[in-house]
Amino acid sequence: PTEEQQTLYRQMVDWGADLVFGGHP
């Protein structure tokens, strides 16, 4: 993952996400 992915997906967890299932690559 890019740094941008890591930062944003971890932020989603901070906001309340329990599971983050990414896509696109």
PDB file of all heavy atoms in Angstrom:
ATOM      1  N   PRO A   1       0.827  -1.212   0.000  1.00  0.00           N
ATOM      2  CA  PRO A   1       0.000   0.000   0.000  1.00  0.00           C
ATOM      3  C   PRO A   1       0.858   1.258   0.000  1.00  0.00           C
ATOM      4  O   PRO A   1       1.996   1.250   0.484  1.00  0.00           O
ATOM      5  CB  PRO A   1      -0.792  -0.120   1.298  1.00  0.00           C
ATOM      6  CG  PRO A   1       0.082  -0.945   2.203  1.00  0.00           C
ATOM      7  CD  PRO A   1       0.778  -1.927   1.292  1.00  0.00           C
ATOM      8  N   THR A   2       0.303   2.320  -0.517  1.00  0.00           N
ATOM      9  CA  THR A   2       0.980   3.608  -0.466  1.00  0.00           C
ATOM     10  C   THR A   2       0.848   4.207   0.932  1.00  0.00           C
ATOM     11  O   THR A   2       0.023   3.783   1.740  1.00  0.00           O
ATOM     12  CB  THR A   2       0.375   4.576  -1.490  1.00  0.00           C
ATOM     13  OG1 THR A   2      -0.995   4.850  -1.118  1.00  0.00           O
ATOM     14  CG2 THR A   2       0.420   3.983  -2.895  1.00  0.00           C
ATOM     15  N   GLU A   3       1.657   5.223   1.203  1.00  0.00           N
ATOM     16  CA  GLU A   3       1.525   5.930   2.480  1.00  0.00           C
ATOM     17  C   GLU A   3       0.148   6.564   2.614  1.00  0.00           C
ATOM     18  O   GLU A   3      -0.420   6.615   3.707  1.00  0.00           O
ATOM     19  CB  GLU A   3       2.620   6.994   2.608  1.00  0.00           C
ATOM     20  CG  GLU A   3       4.024   6.435   2.797  1.00  0.00           C
ATOM     21  CD  GLU A   3       5.044   7.522   3.059  1.00  0.00           C
ATOM     22  OE1 GLU A   3       4.623   8.696   3.261  1.00  0.00           O
ATOM     23  OE2 GLU A   3       6.254   7.222   3.074  1.00  0.00           O
ATOM     24  N   GLU A   4      -0.380   7.028   1.489  1.00  0.00           N
ATOM     25  CA  GLU A   4      -1.706   7.635   1.502  1.00  0.00           C
ATOM     26  C   GLU A   4      -2.765   6.612   1.911  1.00  0.00           C
ATOM     27  O   GLU A   4      -3.652   6.913   2.710  1.00  0.00           O
ATOM     28  CB  GLU A   4      -2.034   8.213   0.122  1.00  0.00           C
ATOM     29  CG  GLU A   4      -3.358   8.975   0.078  1.00  0.00           C
ATOM     30  CD  GLU A   4      -3.689   9.493  -1.302  1.00  0.00           C
ATOM     31  OE1 GLU A   4      -3.063   9.037  -2.289  1.00  0.00           O
ATOM     32  OE2 GLU A   4      -4.576  10.356  -1.419  1.00  0.00           O
ATOM     33  N   GLN A   5      -2.687   5.406   1.357  1.00  0.00           N
ATOM     34  CA  GLN A   5      -3.598   4.342   1.762  1.00  0.00           C
ATOM     35  C   GLN A   5      -3.495   4.065   3.252  1.00  0.00           C
ATOM     36  O   GLN A   5      -4.512   3.988   3.952  1.00  0.00           O
ATOM     37  CB  GLN A   5      -3.303   3.040   1.005  1.00  0.00           C
ATOM     38  CG  GLN A   5      -3.845   2.944  -0.407  1.00  0.00           C
ATOM     39  CD  GLN A   5      -3.364   1.691  -1.091  1.00  0.00           C
ATOM     40  OE1 GLN A   5      -2.247   1.653  -1.644  1.00  0.00           O
ATOM     41  NE2 GLN A   5      -4.157   0.640  -1.036  1.00  0.00           N
ATOM     42  N   GLN A   6      -2.285   3.881   3.726  1.00  0.00           N
ATOM     43  CA  GLN A   6      -2.077   3.550   5.126  1.00  0.00           C
ATOM     44  C   GLN A   6      -2.652   4.631   6.049  1.00  0.00           C
ATOM     45  O   GLN A   6      -3.342   4.340   7.027  1.00  0.00           O
ATOM     46  CB  GLN A   6      -0.583   3.347   5.405  1.00  0.00           C
ATOM     47  CG  GLN A   6       0.001   2.131   4.691  1.00  0.00           C
ATOM     48  CD  GLN A   6       1.507   2.013   4.902  1.00  0.00           C
ATOM     49  OE1 GLN A   6       2.121   2.804   5.588  1.00  0.00           O
ATOM     50  NE2 GLN A   6       2.121   1.035   4.316  1.00  0.00           N
ATOM     51  N   THR A   7      -2.372   5.886   5.707  1.00  0.00           N
ATOM     52  CA  THR A   7      -2.858   6.991   6.533  1.00  0.00           C
ATOM     53  C   THR A   7      -4.382   7.042   6.559  1.00  0.00           C
ATOM     54  O   THR A   7      -4.998   7.150   7.625  1.00  0.00           O
ATOM     55  CB  THR A   7      -2.301   8.331   6.013  1.00  0.00           C
ATOM     56  OG1 THR A   7      -0.869   8.320   6.079  1.00  0.00           O
ATOM     57  CG2 THR A   7      -2.833   9.492   6.847  1.00  0.00           C
ATOM     58  N   LEU A   8      -4.995   6.961   5.387  1.00  0.00           N
ATOM     59  CA  LEU A   8      -6.444   7.089   5.301  1.00  0.00           C
ATOM     60  C   LEU A   8      -7.155   5.890   5.919  1.00  0.00           C
ATOM     61  O   LEU A   8      -8.132   6.054   6.658  1.00  0.00           O
ATOM     62  CB  LEU A   8      -6.883   7.264   3.851  1.00  0.00           C
ATOM     63  CG  LEU A   8      -8.394   7.431   3.620  1.00  0.00           C
ATOM     64  CD1 LEU A   8      -8.933   8.617   4.424  1.00  0.00           C
ATOM     65  CD2 LEU A   8      -8.705   7.605   2.141  1.00  0.00           C
ATOM     66  N   TYR A   9      -6.708   4.678   5.644  1.00  0.00           N
ATOM     67  CA  TYR A   9      -7.395   3.491   6.152  1.00  0.00           C
ATOM     68  C   TYR A   9      -7.291   3.398   7.673  1.00  0.00           C
ATOM     69  O   TYR A   9      -8.242   2.986   8.346  1.00  0.00           O
ATOM     70  CB  TYR A   9      -6.847   2.223   5.491  1.00  0.00           C
ATOM     71  CG  TYR A   9      -7.118   2.121   4.000  1.00  0.00           C
ATOM     72  CD1 TYR A   9      -7.720   3.161   3.308  1.00  0.00           C
ATOM     73  CD2 TYR A   9      -6.766   0.992   3.283  1.00  0.00           C
ATOM     74  CE1 TYR A   9      -7.957   3.083   1.938  1.00  0.00           C
ATOM     75  CE2 TYR A   9      -7.006   0.888   1.915  1.00  0.00           C
ATOM     76  CZ  TYR A   9      -7.581   1.944   1.245  1.00  0.00           C
ATOM     77  OH  TYR A   9      -7.816   1.859  -0.111  1.00  0.00           O
ATOM     78  N   ARG A  10      -6.145   3.799   8.222  1.00  0.00           N
ATOM     79  CA  ARG A  10      -6.014   3.845   9.680  1.00  0.00           C
ATOM     80  C   ARG A  10      -6.912   4.925  10.267  1.00  0.00           C
ATOM     81  O   ARG A  10      -7.466   4.759  11.357  1.00  0.00           O
ATOM     82  CB  ARG A  10      -4.560   4.090  10.064  1.00  0.00           C
ATOM     83  CG  ARG A  10      -3.632   2.909   9.730  1.00  0.00           C
ATOM     84  CD  ARG A  10      -2.177   3.296   9.821  1.00  0.00           C
ATOM     85  NE  ARG A  10      -1.293   2.204   9.414  1.00  0.00           N
ATOM     86  CZ  ARG A  10       0.009   2.333   9.230  1.00  0.00           C
ATOM     87  NH1 ARG A  10       0.596   3.538   9.397  1.00  0.00           N
ATOM     88  NH2 ARG A  10       0.742   1.292   8.855  1.00  0.00           N
ATOM     89  N   GLN A  11      -7.060   6.028   9.542  1.00  0.00           N
ATOM     90  CA  GLN A  11      -7.952   7.090   9.982  1.00  0.00           C
ATOM     91  C   GLN A  11      -9.404   6.602  10.007  1.00  0.00           C
ATOM     92  O   GLN A  11     -10.174   6.971  10.903  1.00  0.00           O
ATOM     93  CB  GLN A  11      -7.811   8.300   9.055  1.00  0.00           C
ATOM     94  CG  GLN A  11      -8.352   9.598   9.639  1.00  0.00           C
ATOM     95  CD  GLN A  11      -7.930  10.797   8.807  1.00  0.00           C
ATOM     96  OE1 GLN A  11      -7.669  10.716   7.613  1.00  0.00           O
ATOM     97  NE2 GLN A  11      -7.821  11.949   9.467  1.00  0.00           N
ATOM     98  N   MET A  12      -9.764   5.780   9.015  1.00  0.00           N
ATOM     99  CA  MET A  12     -11.109   5.203   8.992  1.00  0.00           C
ATOM    100  C   MET A  12     -11.372   4.383  10.249  1.00  0.00           C
ATOM    101  O   MET A  12     -12.469   4.421  10.805  1.00  0.00           O
ATOM    102  CB  MET A  12     -11.290   4.345   7.739  1.00  0.00           C
ATOM    103  CG  MET A  12     -11.377   5.139   6.451  1.00  0.00           C
ATOM    104  SD  MET A  12     -11.453   4.063   4.987  1.00  0.00           S
ATOM    105  CE  MET A  12     -11.740   5.302   3.690  1.00  0.00           C
ATOM    106  N   VAL A  13     -10.372   3.646  10.687  1.00  0.00           N
ATOM    107  CA  VAL A  13     -10.496   2.889  11.929  1.00  0.00           C
ATOM    108  C   VAL A  13     -10.675   3.828  13.108  1.00  0.00           C
ATOM    109  O   VAL A  13     -11.501   3.596  13.998  1.00  0.00           O
ATOM    110  CB  VAL A  13      -9.280   1.964  12.123  1.00  0.00           C
ATOM    111  CG1 VAL A  13      -9.321   1.309  13.512  1.00  0.00           C
ATOM    112  CG2 VAL A  13      -9.237   0.900  11.033  1.00  0.00           C
ATOM    113  N   ASP A  14      -9.926   4.926  13.134  1.00  0.00           N
ATOM    114  CA  ASP A  14     -10.080   5.921  14.198  1.00  0.00           C
ATOM    115  C   ASP A  14     -11.496   6.472  14.227  1.00  0.00           C
ATOM    116  O   ASP A  14     -12.043   6.748  15.302  1.00  0.00           O
ATOM    117  CB  ASP A  14      -9.084   7.062  14.018  1.00  0.00           C
ATOM    118  CG  ASP A  14      -7.651   6.674  14.327  1.00  0.00           C
ATOM    119  OD1 ASP A  14      -7.454   5.685  15.073  1.00  0.00           O
ATOM    120  OD2 ASP A  14      -6.721   7.354  13.831  1.00  0.00           O
ATOM    121  N   TRP A  15     -12.097   6.637  13.057  1.00  0.00           N
ATOM    122  CA  TRP A  15     -13.456   7.182  12.980  1.00  0.00           C
ATOM    123  C   TRP A  15     -14.522   6.172  13.402  1.00  0.00           C
ATOM    124  O   TRP A  15     -15.635   6.553  13.729  1.00  0.00           O
ATOM    125  CB  TRP A  15     -13.757   7.656  11.554  1.00  0.00           C
ATOM    126  CG  TRP A  15     -12.961   8.863  11.140  1.00  0.00           C
ATOM    127  CD1 TRP A  15     -12.426   9.818  11.938  1.00  0.00           C
ATOM    128  CD2 TRP A  15     -12.618   9.219   9.797  1.00  0.00           C
ATOM    129  NE1 TRP A  15     -11.775  10.758  11.181  1.00  0.00           N
ATOM    130  CE2 TRP A  15     -11.871  10.418   9.858  1.00  0.00           C
ATOM    131  CE3 TRP A  15     -12.860   8.656   8.541  1.00  0.00           C
ATOM    132  CZ2 TRP A  15     -11.369  11.056   8.719  1.00  0.00           C
ATOM    133  CZ3 TRP A  15     -12.372   9.290   7.408  1.00  0.00           C
ATOM    134  CH2 TRP A  15     -11.628  10.472   7.505  1.00  0.00           C
ATOM    135  N   GLY A  16     -14.176   4.883  13.360  1.00  0.00           N
ATOM    136  CA  GLY A  16     -15.162   3.897  13.795  1.00  0.00           C
ATOM    137  C   GLY A  16     -15.251   2.639  12.949  1.00  0.00           C
ATOM    138  O   GLY A  16     -16.021   1.730  13.276  1.00  0.00           O
ATOM    139  N   ALA A  17     -14.475   2.538  11.869  1.00  0.00           N
ATOM    140  CA  ALA A  17     -14.504   1.344  11.033  1.00  0.00           C
ATOM    141  C   ALA A  17     -13.924   0.152  11.783  1.00  0.00           C
ATOM    142  O   ALA A  17     -12.905   0.271  12.471  1.00  0.00           O
ATOM    143  CB  ALA A  17     -13.743   1.573   9.731  1.00  0.00           C
ATOM    144  N   ASP A  18     -14.567  -0.997  11.657  1.00  0.00           N
ATOM    145  CA  ASP A  18     -14.064  -2.233  12.248  1.00  0.00           C
ATOM    146  C   ASP A  18     -13.328  -3.087  11.216  1.00  0.00           C
ATOM    147  O   ASP A  18     -12.371  -3.783  11.546  1.00  0.00           O
ATOM    148  CB  ASP A  18     -15.215  -3.042  12.840  1.00  0.00           C
ATOM    149  CG  ASP A  18     -15.950  -2.289  13.919  1.00  0.00           C
ATOM    150  OD1 ASP A  18     -15.439  -2.201  15.047  1.00  0.00           O
ATOM    151  OD2 ASP A  18     -17.054  -1.753  13.638  1.00  0.00           O
ATOM    152  N   LEU A  19     -13.809  -3.046   9.979  1.00  0.00           N
ATOM    153  CA  LEU A  19     -13.215  -3.792   8.876  1.00  0.00           C
ATOM    154  C   LEU A  19     -13.034  -2.859   7.690  1.00  0.00           C
ATOM    155  O   LEU A  19     -13.986  -2.199   7.271  1.00  0.00           O
ATOM    156  CB  LEU A  19     -14.113  -4.964   8.464  1.00  0.00           C
ATOM    157  CG  LEU A  19     -14.308  -6.090   9.490  1.00  0.00           C
ATOM    158  CD1 LEU A  19     -15.548  -6.900   9.163  1.00  0.00           C
ATOM    159  CD2 LEU A  19     -13.088  -6.981   9.537  1.00  0.00           C
ATOM    160  N   VAL A  20     -11.838  -2.787   7.152  1.00  0.00           N
ATOM    161  CA  VAL A  20     -11.571  -2.002   5.950  1.00  0.00           C
ATOM    162  C   VAL A  20     -11.116  -2.970   4.871  1.00  0.00           C
ATOM    163  O   VAL A  20     -10.059  -3.591   4.975  1.00  0.00           O
ATOM    164  CB  VAL A  20     -10.495  -0.929   6.188  1.00  0.00           C
ATOM    165  CG1 VAL A  20     -10.247  -0.137   4.904  1.00  0.00           C
ATOM    166  CG2 VAL A  20     -10.924   0.021   7.307  1.00  0.00           C
ATOM    167  N   PHE A  21     -11.929  -3.114   3.812  1.00  0.00           N
ATOM    168  CA  PHE A  21     -11.640  -4.018   2.703  1.00  0.00           C
ATOM    169  C   PHE A  21     -11.333  -3.182   1.468  1.00  0.00           C
ATOM    170  O   PHE A  21     -12.242  -2.701   0.791  1.00  0.00           O
ATOM    171  CB  PHE A  21     -12.826  -4.944   2.428  1.00  0.00           C
ATOM    172  CG  PHE A  21     -13.106  -5.943   3.521  1.00  0.00           C
ATOM    173  CD1 PHE A  21     -14.394  -6.393   3.744  1.00  0.00           C
ATOM    174  CD2 PHE A  21     -12.091  -6.448   4.308  1.00  0.00           C
ATOM    175  CE1 PHE A  21     -14.662  -7.334   4.729  1.00  0.00           C
ATOM    176  CE2 PHE A  21     -12.344  -7.382   5.316  1.00  0.00           C
ATOM    177  CZ  PHE A  21     -13.635  -7.831   5.517  1.00  0.00           C
ATOM    178  N   GLY A  22     -10.044  -2.997   1.161  1.00  0.00           N
ATOM    179  CA  GLY A  22      -9.641  -2.138   0.064  1.00  0.00           C
ATOM    180  C   GLY A  22      -9.665  -2.818  -1.293  1.00  0.00           C
ATOM    181  O   GLY A  22      -9.651  -4.044  -1.410  1.00  0.00           O
ATOM    182  N   GLY A  23      -9.672  -1.982  -2.334  1.00  0.00           N
ATOM    183  CA  GLY A  23      -9.636  -2.454  -3.706  1.00  0.00           C
ATOM    184  C   GLY A  23      -9.013  -1.437  -4.630  1.00  0.00           C
ATOM    185  O   GLY A  23      -8.640  -0.345  -4.211  1.00  0.00           O
ATOM    186  N   HIS A  24      -8.857  -1.825  -5.890  1.00  0.00           N
ATOM    187  CA  HIS A  24      -8.380  -1.037  -7.013  1.00  0.00           C
ATOM    188  C   HIS A  24      -7.049  -1.484  -7.603  1.00  0.00           C
ATOM    189  O   HIS A  24      -6.913  -1.497  -8.823  1.00  0.00           O
ATOM    190  CB  HIS A  24      -8.284   0.460  -6.706  1.00  0.00           C
ATOM    191  CG  HIS A  24      -7.726   1.237  -7.863  1.00  0.00           C
ATOM    192  ND1 HIS A  24      -8.364   1.311  -9.077  1.00  0.00           N
ATOM    193  CD2 HIS A  24      -6.574   1.956  -8.006  1.00  0.00           C
ATOM    194  CE1 HIS A  24      -7.622   2.049  -9.914  1.00  0.00           C
ATOM    195  NE2 HIS A  24      -6.548   2.448  -9.289  1.00  0.00           N
ATOM    196  N   PRO A  25      -6.027  -1.886  -6.823  1.00  0.00           N
ATOM    197  CA  PRO A  25      -4.731  -2.221  -7.431  1.00  0.00           C
ATOM    198  C   PRO A  25      -4.741  -3.424  -8.364  1.00  0.00           C
ATOM    199  O   PRO A  25      -3.776  -3.640  -9.109  1.00  0.00           O
ATOM    200  CB  PRO A  25      -3.833  -2.477  -6.206  1.00  0.00           C
ATOM    201  CG  PRO A  25      -4.432  -1.646  -5.125  1.00  0.00           C
ATOM    202  CD  PRO A  25      -5.915  -1.787  -5.350  1.00  0.00           C
TER     203      PRO A  25
END
